[in-house]
C-alpha atoms as a PDB file:
ATOM      1  CA  MET A   1      68.722   8.200-125.296  1.00  0.00           C
ATOM      2  CA  GLU A   2      71.245   7.650-122.916  1.00  0.00           C
ATOM      3  CA  ARG A   3      69.575  10.123-120.522  1.00  0.00           C
ATOM      4  CA  ARG A   4      66.248   7.475-121.321  1.00  0.00           C
ATOM      5  CA  ILE A   5      68.556   4.118-120.872  1.00  0.00           C
ATOM      6  CA  ASN A   6      69.608   5.604-117.421  1.00  0.00           C
ATOM      7  CA  LEU A   7      65.850   6.220-116.626  1.00  0.00           C
ATOM      8  CA  PHE A   8      64.902   2.765-117.297  1.00  0.00           C
ATOM      9  CA  GLY A   9      67.908   1.249-115.330  1.00  0.00           C
ATOM     10  CA  LYS A  10      67.071   3.664-111.958  1.00  0.00           C
ATOM     11  CA  ILE A  11      63.580   2.380-112.399  1.00  0.00           C
ATOM     12  CA  GLY A  12      64.903  -1.299-112.664  1.00  0.00           C
ATOM     13  CA  VAL A  13      67.176  -0.242-109.268  1.00  0.00           C
ATOM     14  CA  LEU A  14      63.806   0.602-107.400  1.00  0.00           C
ATOM     15  CA  LEU A  15      61.663  -2.346-108.410  1.00  0.00           C
ATOM     16  CA  GLU A  16      64.244  -4.425-107.467  1.00  0.00           C
ATOM     17  CA  MET A  17      64.864  -2.681-104.411  1.00  0.00           C
ATOM     18  CA  ILE A  18      61.456  -3.620-103.201  1.00  0.00           C
ATOM     19  CA  GLN A  19      61.499  -6.548-104.699  1.00  0.00           C
ATOM     20  CA  PHE A  20      58.677  -5.990-106.971  1.00  0.00           C
ATOM     21  CA  LYS A  21      58.387  -9.681-108.096  1.00  0.00           C
ATOM     22  CA  LEU A  22      57.058 -10.600-104.800  1.00  0.00           C
ATOM     23  CA  THR A  23      53.798  -8.888-105.472  1.00  0.00           C
ATOM     24  CA  ILE A  24      52.562 -12.170-106.350  1.00  0.00           C
ATOM     25  CA  PHE A  25      52.581 -13.165-102.412  1.00  0.00           C
ATOM     26  CA  ALA A  26      49.419 -10.876-101.614  1.00  0.00           C
ATOM     27  CA  MET A  27      47.665 -10.758-105.292  1.00  0.00           C
ATOM     28  CA  PRO A  28      46.428 -14.354-105.533  1.00  0.00           C
ATOM     29  CA  PHE A  29      44.675 -13.488-102.013  1.00  0.00           C
ATOM     30  CA  ALA A  30      43.028 -10.257-103.020  1.00  0.00           C
ATOM     31  CA  PHE A  31      41.915 -12.113-106.188  1.00  0.00           C
ATOM     32  CA  THR A  32      40.629 -14.615-103.803  1.00  0.00           C
ATOM     33  CA  GLY A  33      38.333 -12.287-101.996  1.00  0.00           C
ATOM     34  CA  ALA A  34      37.220 -10.865-105.097  1.00  0.00           C
ATOM     35  CA  PHE A  35      36.294 -14.030-107.026  1.00  0.00           C
ATOM     36  CA  LEU A  36      34.298 -15.056-103.733  1.00  0.00           C
ATOM     37  CA  ALA A  37      32.589 -11.484-103.958  1.00  0.00           C
ATOM     38  CA  GLU A  38      31.223 -12.503-107.529  1.00  0.00           C
ATOM     39  CA  ARG A  39      30.913 -16.216-107.000  1.00  0.00           C
ATOM     40  CA  GLY A  40      32.740 -16.174-110.387  1.00  0.00           C
ATOM     41  CA  LEU A  41      35.277 -13.818-112.573  1.00  0.00           C
ATOM     42  CA  PRO A  42      34.636 -10.241-111.725  1.00  0.00           C
ATOM     43  CA  LYS A  43      34.094  -7.712-114.295  1.00  0.00           C
ATOM     44  CA  ALA A  44      37.099  -6.517-116.081  1.00  0.00           C
ATOM     45  CA  ALA A  45      37.109  -2.872-114.770  1.00  0.00           C
ATOM     46  CA  ALA A  46      37.434  -4.435-111.160  1.00  0.00           C
ATOM     47  CA  VAL A  47      40.322  -6.717-112.059  1.00  0.00           C
ATOM     48  CA  TRP A  48      41.929  -4.002-113.689  1.00  0.00           C
ATOM     49  CA  TRP A  49      41.504  -1.353-110.714  1.00  0.00           C
ATOM     50  CA  ILE A  50      42.397  -4.201-107.886  1.00  0.00           C
ATOM     51  CA  VAL A  51      45.494  -5.077-109.923  1.00  0.00           C
ATOM     52  CA  LEU A  52      46.612  -1.475-109.792  1.00  0.00           C
ATOM     53  CA  ALA A  53      45.567  -0.929-106.013  1.00  0.00           C
ATOM     54  CA  MET A  54      47.743  -4.239-105.393  1.00  0.00           C
ATOM     55  CA  VAL A  55      50.872  -2.700-106.857  1.00  0.00           C
ATOM     56  CA  GLY A  56      50.471   0.856-105.743  1.00  0.00           C
ATOM     57  CA  ALA A  57      49.917  -0.364-101.583  1.00  0.00           C
ATOM     58  CA  ARG A  58      52.449  -2.949-102.020  1.00  0.00           C
ATOM     59  CA  THR A  59      55.313  -0.694-103.677  1.00  0.00           C
ATOM     60  CA  CYS A  60      54.501   2.345-101.272  1.00  0.00           C
ATOM     61  CA  ALA A  61      54.752   0.048 -98.248  1.00  0.00           C
ATOM     62  CA  MET A  62      58.056  -1.677 -99.706  1.00  0.00           C
ATOM     63  CA  GLY A  63      59.670   1.839-100.621  1.00  0.00           C
ATOM     64  CA  PHE A  64      58.857   3.052 -96.868  1.00  0.00           C
ATOM     65  CA  ASN A  65      59.921   0.275 -95.004  1.00  0.00           C
ATOM     66  CA  ARG A  66      63.390   0.460 -97.002  1.00  0.00           C
ATOM     67  CA  ILE A  67      63.485   4.250 -96.113  1.00  0.00           C
ATOM     68  CA  VAL A  68      62.621   4.044 -92.421  1.00  0.00           C
ATOM     69  CA  ASP A  69      65.555   0.867 -92.240  1.00  0.00           C
ATOM     70  CA  ARG A  70      68.061   2.362 -94.310  1.00  0.00           C
ATOM     71  CA  ARG A  71      70.539   3.056 -91.234  1.00  0.00           C
ATOM     72  CA  PHE A  72      70.092  -0.934 -89.761  1.00  0.00           C
ATOM     73  CA  ASP A  73      70.212  -1.682 -93.281  1.00  0.00           C
ATOM     74  CA  ALA A  74      73.679  -0.259 -93.870  1.00  0.00           C
ATOM     75  CA  THR A  75      74.914  -1.596 -90.432  1.00  0.00           C
ATOM     76  CA  ASN A  76      74.031  -5.193 -91.431  1.00  0.00           C
ATOM     77  CA  PRO A  77      76.053  -7.032 -93.270  1.00  0.00           C
ATOM     78  CA  ARG A  78      73.125  -9.127 -94.763  1.00  0.00           C
ATOM     79  CA  THR A  79      71.399  -6.010 -96.177  1.00  0.00           C
ATOM     80  CA  ALA A  80      74.219  -3.411 -96.503  1.00  0.00           C
ATOM     81  CA  ALA A  81      74.225  -3.758-100.318  1.00  0.00           C
ATOM     82  CA  ARG A  82      70.436  -2.597-100.734  1.00  0.00           C
ATOM     83  CA  ALA A  83      70.305   0.135-102.974  1.00  0.00           C
ATOM     84  CA  LEU A  84      69.683   3.213-100.406  1.00  0.00           C
ATOM     85  CA  PRO A  85      72.724   2.132 -98.061  1.00  0.00           C
ATOM     86  CA  ALA A  86      74.737   1.310-101.243  1.00  0.00           C
ATOM     87  CA  GLY A  87      73.692   4.623-102.635  1.00  0.00           C
ATOM     88  CA  ALA A  88      72.418   3.209-105.931  1.00  0.00           C
ATOM     89  CA  VAL A  89      68.835   4.993-105.282  1.00  0.00           C
ATOM     90  CA  SER A  90      69.018   8.410-103.468  1.00  0.00           C
ATOM     91  CA  LEU A  91      66.428   9.303-100.573  1.00  0.00           C
ATOM     92  CA  ALA A  92      64.746  11.624-102.635  1.00  0.00           C
ATOM     93  CA  GLU A  93      63.924   9.019-105.634  1.00  0.00           C
ATOM     94  CA  ALA A  94      62.980   6.615-102.882  1.00  0.00           C
ATOM     95  CA  TRP A  95      60.484   8.829-101.520  1.00  0.00           C
ATOM     96  CA  ALA A  96      58.796  10.179-104.995  1.00  0.00           C
ATOM     97  CA  MET A  97      58.353   6.294-105.444  1.00  0.00           C
ATOM     98  CA  VAL A  98      56.576   5.836-102.406  1.00  0.00           C
ATOM     99  CA  ILE A  99      54.324   9.243-102.852  1.00  0.00           C
ATOM    100  CA  LEU A 100      53.407   7.919-106.449  1.00  0.00           C
ATOM    101  CA  ALA A 101      52.480   4.420-105.573  1.00  0.00           C
ATOM    102  CA  ALA A 102      50.571   6.171-102.620  1.00  0.00           C
ATOM    103  CA  ALA A 103      48.568   8.198-105.233  1.00  0.00           C
ATOM    104  CA  LEU A 104      48.096   5.013-107.693  1.00  0.00           C
ATOM    105  CA  PHE A 105      46.701   3.289-104.439  1.00  0.00           C
ATOM    106  CA  PHE A 106      44.328   5.676-103.693  1.00  0.00           C
ATOM    107  CA  PHE A 107      42.903   6.816-107.498  1.00  0.00           C
ATOM    108  CA  ALA A 108      42.793   2.759-108.127  1.00  0.00           C
ATOM    109  CA  CYS A 109      40.580   2.643-104.866  1.00  0.00           C
ATOM    110  CA  SER A 110      38.391   5.689-105.938  1.00  0.00           C
ATOM    111  CA  ARG A 111      37.766   3.919-109.064  1.00  0.00           C
ATOM    112  CA  LEU A 112      36.112   0.904-107.379  1.00  0.00           C
ATOM    113  CA  ASN A 113      33.511   1.911-104.733  1.00  0.00           C
ATOM    114  CA  PRO A 114      33.010   4.447-101.857  1.00  0.00           C
ATOM    115  CA  LEU A 115      33.536   1.629 -99.324  1.00  0.00           C
ATOM    116  CA  THR A 116      36.952   0.515-100.888  1.00  0.00           C
ATOM    117  CA  LEU A 117      37.878   4.195-100.586  1.00  0.00           C
ATOM    118  CA  GLN A 118      37.045   4.472 -97.130  1.00  0.00           C
ATOM    119  CA  LEU A 119      39.325   1.681 -95.968  1.00  0.00           C
ATOM    120  CA  ALA A 120      42.050   2.698 -98.213  1.00  0.00           C
ATOM    121  CA  PRO A 121      43.714   4.945 -95.051  1.00  0.00           C
ATOM    122  CA  LEU A 122      43.226   2.218 -92.845  1.00  0.00           C
ATOM    123  CA  ALA A 123      44.885  -0.521 -94.958  1.00  0.00           C
ATOM    124  CA  LEU A 124      47.908   1.645 -96.388  1.00  0.00           C
ATOM    125  CA  GLY A 125      48.488   2.836 -92.699  1.00  0.00           C
ATOM    126  CA  LEU A 126      48.789  -0.362 -91.156  1.00  0.00           C
ATOM    127  CA  THR A 127      51.210  -1.372 -93.855  1.00  0.00           C
ATOM    128  CA  LEU A 128      52.823   1.418 -93.083  1.00  0.00           C
ATOM    129  CA  PHE A 129      52.971   1.419 -89.238  1.00  0.00           C
ATOM    130  CA  TYR A 130      54.480  -2.270 -89.613  1.00  0.00           C
ATOM    131  CA  SER A 131      57.842  -0.852 -90.663  1.00  0.00           C
ATOM    132  CA  TYR A 132      58.196   0.691 -87.073  1.00  0.00           C
ATOM    133  CA  THR A 133      57.206  -2.354 -84.820  1.00  0.00           C
ATOM    134  CA  LYS A 134      60.196  -3.835 -85.035  1.00  0.00           C
ATOM    135  CA  ARG A 135      61.263  -1.103 -82.655  1.00  0.00           C
ATOM    136  CA  PHE A 136      58.958  -2.042 -79.750  1.00  0.00           C
ATOM    137  CA  THR A 137      57.363  -5.251 -80.274  1.00  0.00           C
ATOM    138  CA  ALA A 138      58.648  -9.046 -81.356  1.00  0.00           C
ATOM    139  CA  TRP A 139      55.054  -9.602 -82.566  1.00  0.00           C
ATOM    140  CA  CYS A 140      55.779  -7.677 -85.817  1.00  0.00           C
ATOM    141  CA  HIS A 141      55.550 -10.560 -88.030  1.00  0.00           C
ATOM    142  CA  VAL A 142      51.468 -10.495 -86.725  1.00  0.00           C
ATOM    143  CA  VAL A 143      51.301  -6.899 -87.424  1.00  0.00           C
ATOM    144  CA  LEU A 144      52.762  -7.601 -91.123  1.00  0.00           C
ATOM    145  CA  GLY A 145      49.928 -10.611 -91.701  1.00  0.00           C
ATOM    146  CA  ALA A 146      47.320  -7.963 -90.643  1.00  0.00           C
ATOM    147  CA  ALA A 147      48.394  -5.944 -92.781  1.00  0.00           C
ATOM    148  CA  LEU A 148      48.472  -8.388 -95.685  1.00  0.00           C
ATOM    149  CA  ALA A 149      44.978  -9.837 -94.376  1.00  0.00           C
ATOM    150  CA  PHE A 150      43.826  -6.698 -96.179  1.00  0.00           C
ATOM    151  CA  SER A 151      44.199  -8.220 -99.329  1.00  0.00           C
ATOM    152  CA  PRO A 152      41.181 -10.591 -99.729  1.00  0.00           C
ATOM    153  CA  LEU A 153      38.867  -8.215 -97.349  1.00  0.00           C
ATOM    154  CA  GLY A 154      40.064  -5.904-100.170  1.00  0.00           C
ATOM    155  CA  GLY A 155      39.585  -7.974-102.943  1.00  0.00           C
ATOM    156  CA  TRP A 156      35.883  -8.770-101.793  1.00  0.00           C
ATOM    157  CA  VAL A 157      34.835  -4.783-101.162  1.00  0.00           C
ATOM    158  CA  ALA A 158      36.196  -3.869-104.338  1.00  0.00           C
ATOM    159  CA  VAL A 159      33.641  -6.054-105.839  1.00  0.00           C
ATOM    160  CA  ALA A 160      30.903  -6.259-103.495  1.00  0.00           C
ATOM    161  CA  GLY A 161      30.896  -3.105-102.004  1.00  0.00           C
ATOM    162  CA  SER A 162      30.416  -3.923 -98.771  1.00  0.00           C
ATOM    163  CA  LEU A 163      31.444  -6.374 -95.808  1.00  0.00           C
ATOM    164  CA  GLU A 164      28.125  -8.153 -95.685  1.00  0.00           C
ATOM    165  CA  ASN A 165      28.933 -12.161 -95.945  1.00  0.00           C
ATOM    166  CA  PHE A 166      32.610 -11.548 -96.186  1.00  0.00           C
ATOM    167  CA  PRO A 167      34.249 -14.899 -95.075  1.00  0.00           C
ATOM    168  CA  TYR A 168      36.568 -13.114 -92.426  1.00  0.00           C
ATOM    169  CA  LEU A 169      38.208 -16.942 -91.527  1.00  0.00           C
ATOM    170  CA  LEU A 170      40.314 -16.034 -95.059  1.00  0.00           C
ATOM    171  CA  SER A 171      41.967 -12.986 -93.460  1.00  0.00           C
ATOM    172  CA  VAL A 172      42.657 -14.617 -90.145  1.00  0.00           C
ATOM    173  CA  GLY A 173      44.266 -17.478 -92.118  1.00  0.00           C
ATOM    174  CA  VAL A 174      46.298 -14.744 -94.002  1.00  0.00           C
ATOM    175  CA  ILE A 175      47.212 -13.317 -90.911  1.00  0.00           C
ATOM    176  CA  PHE A 176      49.103 -16.662 -89.533  1.00  0.00           C
ATOM    177  CA  TRP A 177      50.195 -17.647 -92.832  1.00  0.00           C
ATOM    178  CA  VAL A 178      52.371 -14.584 -92.853  1.00  0.00           C
ATOM    179  CA  ALA A 179      52.950 -14.462 -89.529  1.00  0.00           C
ATOM    180  CA  GLY A 180      54.648 -17.939 -89.728  1.00  0.00           C
ATOM    181  CA  PHE A 181      56.831 -17.372 -93.004  1.00  0.00           C
ATOM    182  CA  ASP A 182      57.882 -14.259 -91.547  1.00  0.00           C
ATOM    183  CA  THR A 183      59.003 -15.187 -88.264  1.00  0.00           C
ATOM    184  CA  ILE A 184      61.141 -18.120 -90.039  1.00  0.00           C
ATOM    185  CA  TYR A 185      62.576 -15.610 -92.544  1.00  0.00           C
ATOM    186  CA  ALA A 186      63.330 -13.302 -89.364  1.00  0.00           C
ATOM    187  CA  CYS A 187      65.798 -15.865 -88.052  1.00  0.00           C
ATOM    188  CA  LEU A 188      68.249 -14.439 -90.828  1.00  0.00           C
ATOM    189  CA  ASP A 189      68.810 -11.594 -88.922  1.00  0.00           C
ATOM    190  CA  ALA A 190      67.976 -12.602 -85.180  1.00  0.00           C
ATOM    191  CA  ASP A 191      71.773 -12.001 -84.017  1.00  0.00           C
ATOM    192  CA  PHE A 192      71.562  -8.551 -85.615  1.00  0.00           C
ATOM    193  CA  ASP A 193      68.376  -7.499 -84.506  1.00  0.00           C
ATOM    194  CA  LYS A 194      69.085  -8.607 -80.951  1.00  0.00           C
ATOM    195  CA  GLY A 195      72.625  -6.585 -80.793  1.00  0.00           C
ATOM    196  CA  VAL A 196      71.118  -3.717 -82.044  1.00  0.00           C
ATOM    197  CA  GLY A 197      67.963  -3.685 -80.049  1.00  0.00           C
ATOM    198  CA  LEU A 198      65.276  -4.550 -82.799  1.00  0.00           C
ATOM    199  CA  HIS A 199      62.503  -7.105 -81.824  1.00  0.00           C
ATOM    200  CA  SER A 200      61.214 -10.175 -83.614  1.00  0.00           C
ATOM    201  CA  LEU A 201      60.353 -13.282 -82.362  1.00  0.00           C
ATOM    202  CA  PRO A 202      63.691 -14.909 -83.393  1.00  0.00           C
ATOM    203  CA  SER A 203      65.877 -12.753 -81.671  1.00  0.00           C
ATOM    204  CA  ARG A 204      63.464 -12.732 -78.395  1.00  0.00           C
ATOM    205  CA  LEU A 205      62.942 -16.540 -78.498  1.00  0.00           C
ATOM    206  CA  GLY A 206      65.754 -18.100 -80.156  1.00  0.00           C
ATOM    207  CA  LYS A 207      65.430 -19.553 -83.259  1.00  0.00           C
ATOM    208  CA  VAL A 208      64.390 -23.160 -82.377  1.00  0.00           C
ATOM    209  CA  ALA A 209      61.101 -21.697 -80.313  1.00  0.00           C
ATOM    210  CA  ALA A 210      60.465 -19.320 -83.406  1.00  0.00           C
ATOM    211  CA  PHE A 211      60.695 -22.002 -85.731  1.00  0.00           C
ATOM    212  CA  ARG A 212      58.149 -24.089 -83.725  1.00  0.00           C
ATOM    213  CA  LEU A 213      56.205 -20.918 -82.904  1.00  0.00           C
ATOM    214  CA  ALA A 214      56.025 -20.911 -86.826  1.00  0.00           C
ATOM    215  CA  GLY A 215      54.889 -23.869 -87.180  1.00  0.00           C
ATOM    216  CA  VAL A 216      51.818 -23.197 -84.762  1.00  0.00           C
ATOM    217  CA  PHE A 217      51.138 -20.362 -86.633  1.00  0.00           C
ATOM    218  CA  HIS A 218      50.731 -22.372 -89.962  1.00  0.00           C
ATOM    219  CA  VAL A 219      48.432 -25.215 -88.397  1.00  0.00           C
ATOM    220  CA  ILE A 220      46.356 -22.194 -87.419  1.00  0.00           C
ATOM    221  CA  ALA A 221      46.271 -20.669 -90.831  1.00  0.00           C
ATOM    222  CA  LEU A 222      45.398 -23.990 -92.454  1.00  0.00           C
ATOM    223  CA  LEU A 223      42.543 -24.454 -90.266  1.00  0.00           C
ATOM    224  CA  CYS A 224      41.481 -21.378 -90.996  1.00  0.00           C
ATOM    225  CA  PHE A 225      41.279 -21.825 -94.762  1.00  0.00           C
ATOM    226  CA  LEU A 226      39.618 -24.919 -94.213  1.00  0.00           C
ATOM    227  CA  LEU A 227      36.687 -22.960 -92.292  1.00  0.00           C
ATOM    228  CA  THR A 228      36.714 -20.615 -95.211  1.00  0.00           C
ATOM    229  CA  GLY A 229      35.697 -23.131 -97.613  1.00  0.00           C
ATOM    230  CA  TRP A 230      32.780 -23.931 -95.011  1.00  0.00           C
ATOM    231  CA  GLN A 231      31.968 -19.926 -94.581  1.00  0.00           C
ATOM    232  CA  ALA A 232      31.954 -19.466 -97.952  1.00  0.00           C
ATOM    233  CA  GLY A 233      29.925 -22.487 -99.033  1.00  0.00           C
ATOM    234  CA  LEU A 234      32.794 -23.847-101.130  1.00  0.00           C
ATOM    235  CA  ASN A 235      33.160 -27.565-102.362  1.00  0.00           C
ATOM    236  CA  LEU A 236      35.421 -30.136-102.392  1.00  0.00           C
ATOM    237  CA  TRP A 237      37.772 -28.662-105.349  1.00  0.00           C
ATOM    238  CA  TYR A 238      38.952 -26.303-102.432  1.00  0.00           C
ATOM    239  CA  TYR A 239      39.594 -28.369-100.006  1.00  0.00           C
ATOM    240  CA  GLY A 240      41.836 -30.511-102.246  1.00  0.00           C
ATOM    241  CA  GLY A 241      43.496 -27.235-102.419  1.00  0.00           C
ATOM    242  CA  VAL A 242      44.097 -26.731 -99.260  1.00  0.00           C
ATOM    243  CA  VAL A 243      45.435 -30.039 -98.852  1.00  0.00           C
ATOM    244  CA  VAL A 244      48.049 -29.270-101.876  1.00  0.00           C
ATOM    245  CA  ALA A 245      48.851 -25.906 -99.836  1.00  0.00           C
ATOM    246  CA  ALA A 246      49.448 -27.941 -96.498  1.00  0.00           C
ATOM    247  CA  GLY A 247      52.048 -30.096 -98.017  1.00  0.00           C
ATOM    248  CA  ALA A 248      53.605 -26.910 -99.522  1.00  0.00           C
ATOM    249  CA  LEU A 249      53.836 -25.627 -95.809  1.00  0.00           C
ATOM    250  CA  LEU A 250      55.151 -28.968 -94.415  1.00  0.00           C
ATOM    251  CA  TYR A 251      57.917 -28.708 -97.132  1.00  0.00           C
ATOM    252  CA  GLN A 252      58.762 -25.507 -96.130  1.00  0.00           C
ATOM    253  CA  HIS A 253      59.521 -26.619 -92.604  1.00  0.00           C
ATOM    254  CA  LEU A 254      61.404 -29.456 -93.571  1.00  0.00           C
ATOM    255  CA  LEU A 255      63.364 -27.088 -96.324  1.00  0.00           C
ATOM    256  CA  VAL A 256      64.692 -24.778 -93.697  1.00  0.00           C
ATOM    257  CA  LYS A 257      66.169 -25.494 -90.218  1.00  0.00           C
ATOM    258  CA  PRO A 258      67.157 -23.464 -87.317  1.00  0.00           C
ATOM    259  CA  GLU A 259      70.281 -24.763 -87.680  1.00  0.00           C
ATOM    260  CA  ASP A 260      70.704 -24.514 -91.393  1.00  0.00           C
ATOM    261  CA  LEU A 261      69.085 -21.237 -93.040  1.00  0.00           C
ATOM    262  CA  SER A 262      70.764 -21.746 -96.298  1.00  0.00           C
ATOM    263  CA  ARG A 263      67.940 -22.653 -98.397  1.00  0.00           C
ATOM    264  CA  ILE A 264      65.642 -20.087 -96.604  1.00  0.00           C
ATOM    265  CA  HIS A 265      65.087 -17.991-100.051  1.00  0.00           C
ATOM    266  CA  ALA A 266      63.888 -20.886-101.851  1.00  0.00           C
ATOM    267  CA  SER A 267      61.310 -21.371 -99.002  1.00  0.00           C
ATOM    268  CA  PHE A 268      60.330 -17.942 -98.447  1.00  0.00           C
ATOM    269  CA  PHE A 269      60.384 -16.787-102.296  1.00  0.00           C
ATOM    270  CA  SER A 270      59.081 -20.284-103.967  1.00  0.00           C
ATOM    271  CA  MET A 271      56.715 -21.711-101.512  1.00  0.00           C
ATOM    272  CA  ASN A 272      54.844 -18.580-100.066  1.00  0.00           C
ATOM    273  CA  GLY A 273      53.922 -17.501-103.279  1.00  0.00           C
ATOM    274  CA  LEU A 274      53.200 -21.228-104.927  1.00  0.00           C
ATOM    275  CA  ILE A 275      50.517 -21.305-101.504  1.00  0.00           C
ATOM    276  CA  SER A 276      48.670 -17.977-102.529  1.00  0.00           C
ATOM    277  CA  VAL A 277      48.404 -19.101-105.880  1.00  0.00           C
ATOM    278  CA  ILE A 278      47.253 -22.762-104.784  1.00  0.00           C
ATOM    279  CA  ILE A 279      44.749 -21.161-102.884  1.00  0.00           C
ATOM    280  CA  PHE A 280      43.524 -18.733-105.476  1.00  0.00           C
ATOM    281  CA  VAL A 281      42.997 -21.786-107.997  1.00  0.00           C
ATOM    282  CA  ALA A 282      41.347 -23.714-105.669  1.00  0.00           C
ATOM    283  CA  THR A 283      38.725 -21.021-104.973  1.00  0.00           C
ATOM    284  CA  CYS A 284      38.091 -20.718-108.831  1.00  0.00           C
ATOM    285  CA  LEU A 285      37.947 -24.206-109.727  1.00  0.00           C
ATOM    286  CA  SER A 286      35.461 -24.585-106.823  1.00  0.00           C
ATOM    287  CA  LEU A 287      33.290 -21.833-107.863  1.00  0.00           C
ATOM    288  CA  PHE A 288      33.192 -22.971-111.520  1.00  0.00           C
ATOM    289  CA  PHE A 289      32.667 -26.560-110.738  1.00  0.00           C
ATOM    290  CA  SER A 290      29.755 -25.305-108.373  1.00  0.00           C
ATOM    291  CA  LYS A 291      28.075 -24.210-111.528  1.00  0.00           C
ATOM    292  CA  VAL A 292      28.697 -27.133-113.895  1.00  0.00           C
END
């Protein structure tokens, strides 16, 4: 009994280490792509395998990121208490989670269709590659956006089995949405990154300029989301959702300032999860009411 409790406790630590709850960031965009491909509710089997693929991909990517960054995390006061540098999780346990998550991802993709499985190495490889980009480029935030941009594309391919008619502006919007909020979040470590030779837009440009650039990224993202409605043939319900998402993004920029990052976690965790859900719900409403 005690061994079982310890096992569940260890699993809980691992899930907390990778911020498992934040899978909500990318999951709604995957389903946005899937619903657009089906022009409605996809089959239950497709939904199930998409969920497992997304959970596997994100768990693998986040676990890998924690592994390769563990030495930097250990010397950064903000991250020193994370599971790996604090010793709450062993390196072998973290690797086991990463390998099992990768296996889950590839298995789920294999249960969907051939193209999904063919794209799987590229999608997962890009998310793993991102973990190294802070070593050599300040544009690492855009690479993260490109990795998450596979979410709507993957959802579409999982249902359609092809890339034909995919509204690519949706993925472009995700790139700049992610790049914007990750640039803001990187302000927390701007001084540390500069001191140890890591690259980010805040460490290179300064926090004020980085915030301005994040604003530009988010404006581009909103334009892409708006144009997605035209590209996918959606109605006013979708455009109304984009307006609400724009309000959430504006609130995010009003909530956090370069000179005051104290509320950045509210901005990062609450607003960004909300934005992806808003776009998904708006897409669903548009598809539903187009059939009524």
